[in-house]
C-alpha atoms as a PDB file:
ATOM      1  CA  MET A   1      22.938   9.895 -41.006  1.00  0.00           C
ATOM      2  CA  ARG A   2      19.373   8.591 -41.187  1.00  0.00           C
ATOM      3  CA  THR A   3      20.703   5.191 -42.255  1.00  0.00           C
ATOM      4  CA  ARG A   4      22.950   4.984 -39.167  1.00  0.00           C
ATOM      5  CA  ILE A   5      20.078   5.933 -36.830  1.00  0.00           C
ATOM      6  CA  ALA A   6      17.805   3.327 -38.413  1.00  0.00           C
ATOM      7  CA  ALA A   7      20.522   0.685 -38.103  1.00  0.00           C
ATOM      8  CA  ALA A   8      21.045   1.530 -34.428  1.00  0.00           C
ATOM      9  CA  TRP A   9      17.331   1.187 -33.705  1.00  0.00           C
ATOM     10  CA  CYS A  10      17.216  -2.160 -35.482  1.00  0.00           C
ATOM     11  CA  LEU A  11      20.186  -3.426 -33.458  1.00  0.00           C
ATOM     12  CA  LEU A  12      18.567  -2.316 -30.191  1.00  0.00           C
ATOM     13  CA  LEU A  13      15.313  -4.041 -31.162  1.00  0.00           C
ATOM     14  CA  LEU A  14      17.128  -7.283 -31.996  1.00  0.00           C
ATOM     15  CA  LEU A  15      19.015  -7.232 -28.668  1.00  0.00           C
ATOM     16  CA  THR A  16      15.777  -6.673 -26.725  1.00  0.00           C
ATOM     17  CA  LEU A  17      14.016  -9.521 -28.508  1.00  0.00           C
ATOM     18  CA  GLY A  18      16.999 -11.780 -27.933  1.00  0.00           C
ATOM     19  CA  LEU A  19      17.116 -11.057 -24.199  1.00  0.00           C
ATOM     20  CA  ALA A  20      13.376 -11.663 -23.857  1.00  0.00           C
ATOM     21  CA  ALA A  21      13.653 -14.971 -25.699  1.00  0.00           C
ATOM     22  CA  CYS A  22      16.557 -16.105 -23.513  1.00  0.00           C
ATOM     23  CA  GLY A  23      14.881 -15.077 -20.248  1.00  0.00           C
ATOM     24  CA  GLY A  24      17.207 -12.071 -19.805  1.00  0.00           C
ATOM     25  CA  VAL A  25      14.340  -9.662 -19.140  1.00  0.00           C
ATOM     26  CA  PRO A  26      12.528 -10.538 -15.859  1.00  0.00           C
ATOM     27  CA  ARG A  27       8.776 -10.339 -15.747  1.00  0.00           C
ATOM     28  CA  GLU A  28       6.469  -9.490 -12.839  1.00  0.00           C
ATOM     29  CA  SER A  29       4.630 -12.481 -11.396  1.00  0.00           C
ATOM     30  CA  GLY A  30       2.251 -12.281  -8.455  1.00  0.00           C
ATOM     31  CA  SER A  31       3.478 -10.020  -5.641  1.00  0.00           C
ATOM     32  CA  GLY A  32       7.209 -10.432  -6.311  1.00  0.00           C
ATOM     33  CA  ALA A  33       9.219  -9.399  -9.347  1.00  0.00           C
ATOM     34  CA  GLY A  34      10.309 -12.467 -11.306  1.00  0.00           C
ATOM     35  CA  LEU A  35       8.929 -14.905  -8.697  1.00  0.00           C
ATOM     36  CA  GLY A  36       6.047 -17.321  -9.013  1.00  0.00           C
ATOM     37  CA  GLN A  37       3.615 -17.806  -6.143  1.00  0.00           C
ATOM     38  CA  ALA A  38       5.342 -20.979  -4.870  1.00  0.00           C
ATOM     39  CA  ALA A  39       8.797 -19.379  -5.044  1.00  0.00           C
ATOM     40  CA  LEU A  40       7.519 -16.270  -3.267  1.00  0.00           C
ATOM     41  CA  GLU A  41       5.995 -18.296  -0.423  1.00  0.00           C
ATOM     42  CA  ALA A  42       9.215 -20.283  -0.089  1.00  0.00           C
ATOM     43  CA  SER A  43      11.295 -17.102   0.124  1.00  0.00           C
ATOM     44  CA  ILE A  44       9.005 -15.719   2.852  1.00  0.00           C
ATOM     45  CA  ARG A  45       9.242 -18.923   4.899  1.00  0.00           C
ATOM     46  CA  ASN A  46      13.020 -18.949   4.522  1.00  0.00           C
ATOM     47  CA  ASP A  47      13.364 -15.298   5.572  1.00  0.00           C
ATOM     48  CA  ARG A  48      11.195 -15.873   8.643  1.00  0.00           C
ATOM     49  CA  LYS A  49      13.672 -18.513   9.840  1.00  0.00           C
ATOM     50  CA  HIS A  50      16.377 -15.835  10.035  1.00  0.00           C
ATOM     51  CA  LEU A  51      14.450 -13.349  12.184  1.00  0.00           C
ATOM     52  CA  PHE A  52      15.597 -12.440  15.713  1.00  0.00           C
ATOM     53  CA  ASP A  53      13.664 -12.288  18.949  1.00  0.00           C
ATOM     54  CA  GLY A  54      12.839  -8.675  19.644  1.00  0.00           C
ATOM     55  CA  SER A  55      10.998  -6.580  22.208  1.00  0.00           C
ATOM     56  CA  LEU A  56       9.053  -3.372  21.804  1.00  0.00           C
ATOM     57  CA  THR A  57       9.175  -0.917  24.708  1.00  0.00           C
ATOM     58  CA  TYR A  58       6.340   1.591  25.009  1.00  0.00           C
ATOM     59  CA  THR A  59       4.211   3.600  27.437  1.00  0.00           C
ATOM     60  CA  PRO A  60       0.612   2.322  27.675  1.00  0.00           C
ATOM     61  CA  ASP A  61      -0.920   5.452  29.273  1.00  0.00           C
ATOM     62  CA  ILE A  62      -0.179   9.076  28.404  1.00  0.00           C
ATOM     63  CA  SER A  63      -1.819  12.391  29.267  1.00  0.00           C
ATOM     64  CA  MET A  64      -1.739  15.996  28.101  1.00  0.00           C
ATOM     65  CA  SER A  65      -3.702  19.249  28.190  1.00  0.00           C
ATOM     66  CA  VAL A  66      -6.107  20.128  25.409  1.00  0.00           C
ATOM     67  CA  GLY A  67      -4.464  22.318  22.778  1.00  0.00           C
ATOM     68  CA  GLY A  68      -1.014  21.112  23.828  1.00  0.00           C
ATOM     69  CA  ARG A  69       1.417  18.729  22.190  1.00  0.00           C
ATOM     70  CA  LEU A  70       3.433  15.798  23.516  1.00  0.00           C
ATOM     71  CA  THR A  71       6.126  13.504  22.091  1.00  0.00           C
ATOM     72  CA  TYR A  72       5.445   9.771  22.163  1.00  0.00           C
ATOM     73  CA  ALA A  73       8.395   7.420  21.558  1.00  0.00           C
ATOM     74  CA  VAL A  74       8.828   3.648  21.232  1.00  0.00           C
ATOM     75  CA  VAL A  75      11.961   1.487  20.906  1.00  0.00           C
ATOM     76  CA  LEU A  76      12.178  -1.854  19.099  1.00  0.00           C
ATOM     77  CA  THR A  77      15.248  -3.913  20.062  1.00  0.00           C
ATOM     78  CA  ALA A  78      16.673  -7.133  18.622  1.00  0.00           C
ATOM     79  CA  ARG A  79      17.356  -9.046  21.790  1.00  0.00           C
ATOM     80  CA  GLY A  80      20.823  -9.789  23.030  1.00  0.00           C
ATOM     81  CA  GLU A  81      21.704 -10.629  26.627  1.00  0.00           C
ATOM     82  CA  LYS A  82      22.624  -7.075  27.572  1.00  0.00           C
ATOM     83  CA  SER A  83      20.092  -5.259  25.412  1.00  0.00           C
ATOM     84  CA  SER A  84      17.122  -7.318  26.636  1.00  0.00           C
ATOM     85  CA  ARG A  85      18.008  -6.654  30.282  1.00  0.00           C
ATOM     86  CA  ARG A  86      18.332  -2.922  29.688  1.00  0.00           C
ATOM     87  CA  ALA A  87      15.019  -2.837  27.834  1.00  0.00           C
ATOM     88  CA  ALA A  88      13.226  -4.721  30.611  1.00  0.00           C
ATOM     89  CA  GLN A  89      14.540  -2.295  33.238  1.00  0.00           C
ATOM     90  CA  ALA A  90      13.784   0.899  31.314  1.00  0.00           C
ATOM     91  CA  ALA A  91      10.386   0.081  29.814  1.00  0.00           C
ATOM     92  CA  LEU A  92       7.000   0.459  31.407  1.00  0.00           C
ATOM     93  CA  GLU A  93       5.616  -2.225  29.080  1.00  0.00           C
ATOM     94  CA  THR A  94       7.166  -4.623  26.557  1.00  0.00           C
ATOM     95  CA  ARG A  95       5.771  -6.745  23.737  1.00  0.00           C
ATOM     96  CA  VAL A  96       7.640  -9.606  22.053  1.00  0.00           C
ATOM     97  CA  LEU A  97       8.049  -9.490  18.262  1.00  0.00           C
ATOM     98  CA  ARG A  98      10.219 -11.235  15.689  1.00  0.00           C
ATOM     99  CA  VAL A  99      12.463  -8.666  14.028  1.00  0.00           C
ATOM    100  CA  GLY A 100      15.199  -8.404  11.415  1.00  0.00           C
ATOM    101  CA  GLY A 101      15.677  -6.392   8.240  1.00  0.00           C
ATOM    102  CA  TRP A 102      13.382  -3.420   7.709  1.00  0.00           C
ATOM    103  CA  GLN A 103      10.979  -2.446  10.509  1.00  0.00           C
ATOM    104  CA  GLY A 104       7.971  -0.153  10.263  1.00  0.00           C
ATOM    105  CA  ALA A 105       5.771   1.402  12.950  1.00  0.00           C
ATOM    106  CA  GLY A 106       2.567   3.424  12.998  1.00  0.00           C
ATOM    107  CA  LEU A 107       0.505   5.317  15.565  1.00  0.00           C
ATOM    108  CA  SER A 108      -3.092   6.274  14.754  1.00  0.00           C
ATOM    109  CA  ALA A 109      -6.088   7.646  16.661  1.00  0.00           C
ATOM    110  CA  ASP A 110      -9.686   6.448  16.627  1.00  0.00           C
ATOM    111  CA  ASP A 111     -11.037  10.021  16.751  1.00  0.00           C
ATOM    112  CA  PRO A 112     -10.497  12.956  14.350  1.00  0.00           C
ATOM    113  CA  GLU A 113      -9.988  15.265  17.332  1.00  0.00           C
ATOM    114  CA  VAL A 114      -6.576  13.625  17.923  1.00  0.00           C
ATOM    115  CA  LYS A 115      -3.720  14.018  15.458  1.00  0.00           C
ATOM    116  CA  THR A 116      -0.431  12.067  15.322  1.00  0.00           C
ATOM    117  CA  VAL A 117       2.567  13.133  13.222  1.00  0.00           C
ATOM    118  CA  LEU A 118       5.602  10.858  12.745  1.00  0.00           C
ATOM    119  CA  HIS A 119       9.039  12.482  13.004  1.00  0.00           C
ATOM    120  CA  GLY A 120      11.608  10.602  10.932  1.00  0.00           C
ATOM    121  CA  PRO A 121      11.376   7.667   8.514  1.00  0.00           C
ATOM    122  CA  GLU A 122       8.615   5.083   8.904  1.00  0.00           C
ATOM    123  CA  LYS A 123      10.942   2.167   8.029  1.00  0.00           C
ATOM    124  CA  GLN A 124      14.230   1.549   9.857  1.00  0.00           C
ATOM    125  CA  PRO A 125      16.731  -1.365   9.636  1.00  0.00           C
ATOM    126  CA  ILE A 126      17.679  -3.916  12.286  1.00  0.00           C
ATOM    127  CA  VAL A 127      20.318  -6.346  11.018  1.00  0.00           C
ATOM    128  CA  ALA A 128      21.839  -7.939  14.147  1.00  0.00           C
ATOM    129  CA  PRO A 129      21.009  -8.716  17.801  1.00  0.00           C
ATOM    130  CA  GLY A 130      21.523  -5.729  20.073  1.00  0.00           C
ATOM    131  CA  GLU A 131      20.491  -3.186  17.442  1.00  0.00           C
ATOM    132  CA  ASN A 132      17.330  -1.128  17.801  1.00  0.00           C
ATOM    133  CA  ALA A 133      14.980   1.150  15.919  1.00  0.00           C
ATOM    134  CA  GLN A 134      13.221   4.146  17.434  1.00  0.00           C
ATOM    135  CA  TRP A 135      10.144   6.114  16.385  1.00  0.00           C
ATOM    136  CA  GLN A 136       8.744   9.382  17.687  1.00  0.00           C
ATOM    137  CA  TRP A 137       5.376  11.014  17.106  1.00  0.00           C
ATOM    138  CA  SER A 138       3.931  14.349  18.143  1.00  0.00           C
ATOM    139  CA  VAL A 139       0.401  13.953  19.539  1.00  0.00           C
ATOM    140  CA  SER A 140      -2.150  16.766  19.816  1.00  0.00           C
ATOM    141  CA  ALA A 141      -5.861  16.959  20.688  1.00  0.00           C
ATOM    142  CA  ASP A 142      -8.493  19.634  20.005  1.00  0.00           C
ATOM    143  CA  GLU A 143     -11.012  18.501  22.625  1.00  0.00           C
ATOM    144  CA  PRO A 144     -10.688  17.079  26.169  1.00  0.00           C
ATOM    145  CA  GLY A 145     -11.620  13.462  26.822  1.00  0.00           C
ATOM    146  CA  ASP A 146     -10.360   9.881  26.769  1.00  0.00           C
ATOM    147  CA  TYR A 147      -9.008   8.441  23.519  1.00  0.00           C
ATOM    148  CA  ASP A 148      -7.364   5.232  22.298  1.00  0.00           C
ATOM    149  CA  LEU A 149      -4.316   5.191  20.027  1.00  0.00           C
ATOM    150  CA  ALA A 150      -3.376   2.093  18.002  1.00  0.00           C
ATOM    151  CA  LEU A 151       0.347   1.256  17.879  1.00  0.00           C
ATOM    152  CA  THR A 152       1.383  -1.141  15.087  1.00  0.00           C
ATOM    153  CA  VAL A 153       4.793  -2.623  14.193  1.00  0.00           C
ATOM    154  CA  ILE A 154       5.635  -4.642  11.058  1.00  0.00           C
ATOM    155  CA  THR A 155       8.750  -6.619  10.078  1.00  0.00           C
ATOM    156  CA  TYR A 156       9.072  -6.406   6.283  1.00  0.00           C
ATOM    157  CA  GLN A 157      10.697  -8.801   3.832  1.00  0.00           C
ATOM    158  CA  GLY A 158      13.658  -6.778   2.687  1.00  0.00           C
ATOM    159  CA  ASN A 159      12.854  -3.377   1.230  1.00  0.00           C
ATOM    160  CA  THR A 160       9.325  -4.401   0.175  1.00  0.00           C
ATOM    161  CA  ASN A 161       5.834  -4.011   1.593  1.00  0.00           C
ATOM    162  CA  ARG A 162       5.469  -7.755   2.276  1.00  0.00           C
ATOM    163  CA  ALA A 163       5.095  -8.460   6.001  1.00  0.00           C
ATOM    164  CA  LEU A 164       7.081 -11.267   7.620  1.00  0.00           C
ATOM    165  CA  GLU A 165       5.794 -10.488  11.113  1.00  0.00           C
ATOM    166  CA  THR A 166       3.015  -8.177  12.333  1.00  0.00           C
ATOM    167  CA  LEU A 167       2.220  -7.062  15.858  1.00  0.00           C
ATOM    168  CA  ASP A 168      -1.177  -8.681  16.387  1.00  0.00           C
ATOM    169  CA  PRO A 169      -3.282  -7.373  17.950  1.00  0.00           C
ATOM    170  CA  PRO A 170      -2.047  -3.766  17.786  1.00  0.00           C
ATOM    171  CA  ILE A 171      -1.137  -2.170  21.095  1.00  0.00           C
ATOM    172  CA  SER A 172      -3.802   0.110  22.584  1.00  0.00           C
ATOM    173  CA  VAL A 173      -2.347   3.290  24.093  1.00  0.00           C
ATOM    174  CA  HIS A 174      -4.732   5.252  26.317  1.00  0.00           C
ATOM    175  CA  LEU A 175      -4.636   9.032  25.953  1.00  0.00           C
ATOM    176  CA  LYS A 176      -6.163  11.296  28.617  1.00  0.00           C
ATOM    177  CA  VAL A 177      -6.692  14.908  27.514  1.00  0.00           C
ATOM    178  CA  TYR A 178      -7.410  17.395  30.319  1.00  0.00           C
ATOM    179  CA  ASN A 179      -9.480  20.522  29.904  1.00  0.00           C
ATOM    180  CA  THR A 180      -8.006  23.998  30.523  1.00  0.00           C
ATOM    181  CA  TRP A 181      -9.507  27.336  31.552  1.00  0.00           C
ATOM    182  CA  SER A 182      -8.501  28.900  28.262  1.00  0.00           C
ATOM    183  CA  HIS A 183     -10.303  26.147  26.349  1.00  0.00           C
ATOM    184  CA  ARG A 184     -13.364  26.518  28.607  1.00  0.00           C
ATOM    185  CA  PHE A 185     -13.403  30.279  28.015  1.00  0.00           C
ATOM    186  CA  SER A 186     -13.042  29.789  24.264  1.00  0.00           C
ATOM    187  CA  ALA A 187     -15.856  27.213  24.200  1.00  0.00           C
ATOM    188  CA  MET A 188     -18.074  29.511  26.313  1.00  0.00           C
ATOM    189  CA  ARG A 189     -17.345  32.466  24.056  1.00  0.00           C
ATOM    190  CA  ASN A 190     -18.291  30.443  20.990  1.00  0.00           C
ATOM    191  CA  TRP A 191     -21.477  29.352  22.742  1.00  0.00           C
ATOM    192  CA  LEU A 192     -22.318  32.963  23.605  1.00  0.00           C
ATOM    193  CA  TYR A 193     -21.779  34.015  19.983  1.00  0.00           C
ATOM    194  CA  THR A 194     -24.099  31.247  18.832  1.00  0.00           C
ATOM    195  CA  ALA A 195     -26.718  32.096  21.460  1.00  0.00           C
ATOM    196  CA  ALA A 196     -26.547  35.791  20.549  1.00  0.00           C
ATOM    197  CA  GLY A 197     -27.090  34.944  16.900  1.00  0.00           C
ATOM    198  CA  ILE A 198     -30.126  32.782  17.725  1.00  0.00           C
ATOM    199  CA  ALA A 199     -31.534  35.492  20.016  1.00  0.00           C
ATOM    200  CA  GLY A 200     -31.101  38.122  17.302  1.00  0.00           C
ATOM    201  CA  ALA A 201     -32.896  35.913  14.806  1.00  0.00           C
ATOM    202  CA  LEU A 202     -35.785  35.389  17.238  1.00  0.00           C
ATOM    203  CA  VAL A 203     -36.049  39.127  17.904  1.00  0.00           C
ATOM    204  CA  GLY A 204     -36.166  39.785  14.185  1.00  0.00           C
ATOM    205  CA  ILE A 205     -38.893  37.202  13.714  1.00  0.00           C
ATOM    206  CA  TYR A 206     -40.911  38.676  16.592  1.00  0.00           C
ATOM    207  CA  ALA A 207     -40.503  42.204  15.177  1.00  0.00           C
ATOM    208  CA  LEU A 208     -41.915  41.038  11.842  1.00  0.00           C
ATOM    209  CA  ARG A 209     -44.773  39.190  13.494  1.00  0.00           C
ATOM    210  CA  ALA A 210     -47.084  42.215  13.921  1.00  0.00           C
ATOM    211  CA  PRO A 211     -46.745  43.573  10.335  1.00  0.00           C
ATOM    212  CA  LEU A 212     -47.229  40.089   8.914  1.00  0.00           C
ATOM    213  CA  THR A 213     -50.320  39.542  11.077  1.00  0.00           C
ATOM    214  CA  GLU A 214     -51.821  42.869   9.976  1.00  0.00           C
ATOM    215  CA  LEU A 215     -51.073  42.058   6.344  1.00  0.00           C
ATOM    216  CA  VAL A 216     -52.742  38.647   6.573  1.00  0.00           C
ATOM    217  CA  GLN A 217     -55.776  40.095   8.365  1.00  0.00           C
ATOM    218  CA  GLY A 218     -56.073  42.909   5.827  1.00  0.00           C
ATOM    219  CA  ARG A 219     -56.098  40.439   2.954  1.00  0.00           C
ATOM    220  CA  ARG A 220     -58.735  38.318   4.686  1.00  0.00           C
ATOM    221  CA  GLU A 221     -60.969  41.355   5.241  1.00  0.00           C
ATOM    222  CA  ALA A 222     -60.514  42.482   1.634  1.00  0.00           C
ATOM    223  CA  ARG A 223     -61.522  39.039   0.325  1.00  0.00           C
ATOM    224  CA  LYS A 224     -64.527  38.951   2.674  1.00  0.00           C
ATOM    225  CA  GLN A 225     -65.624  42.420   1.575  1.00  0.00           C
ATOM    226  CA  GLN A 226     -65.308  41.410  -2.072  1.00  0.00           C
ATOM    227  CA  ARG A 227     -67.415  38.294  -1.480  1.00  0.00           C
ATOM    228  CA  ASP A 228     -70.076  40.404   0.271  1.00  0.00           C
ATOM    229  CA  GLU A 229     -70.181  42.879  -2.626  1.00  0.00           C
ATOM    230  CA  ASN A 230     -70.487  40.076  -5.161  1.00  0.00           C
ATOM    231  CA  ARG A 231     -73.318  38.520  -3.148  1.00  0.00           C
ATOM    232  CA  ASP A 232     -75.202  41.853  -2.932  1.00  0.00           C
ATOM    233  CA  GLY A 233     -74.850  42.450  -6.649  1.00  0.00           C
ATOM    234  CA  TYR A 234     -76.185  38.985  -7.393  1.00  0.00           C
ATOM    235  CA  MET A 235     -79.199  39.576  -5.201  1.00  0.00           C
END
């Protein structure tokens, strides 16, 4: 039994070495598996020739109440005669982008008070004119104010992370967050709690002021009395 197992391992080793010697086992090179740098650049240029004209439809200005949540959606369409007309009529704003293959989109905020959560996959396919990809995010804010969201879209080379086309510069989406009475009351209550804590600390310090003053004065008088006694004894 041991002889058979050893023979099987030897056969597997010989087959592996033979495939490697004959080029049967591909090796990683640069950013693409089995591709040199020149071949990779050529494949990217060739794939870019097969992209379609596309348009991204989006809303440039949105608003919500603090503590609430809204849904923000964008649509990326590979242009055909009918699809491009529909997109132009329905959209508030459009941006031209070359599309085809796998598409990715992202929405991020420039302030930690605003949070964006994507619903659904980040990458979606577009393989022919007239097709589209859609993304939706939930947006929430903890504080009122004016914020900017960055909307990015990338056309990838196949199912990789190599970009064939990138929306440059990213789209700036303005977010207006309105204050509410409940948020004002909550902020005021927190301020009152903080003020009450500071006031209590000050009262405590003031209450300890008199005993501390008496203690310091008593020690000073004791040291003075001791110096006087030492001086009298010396005399």
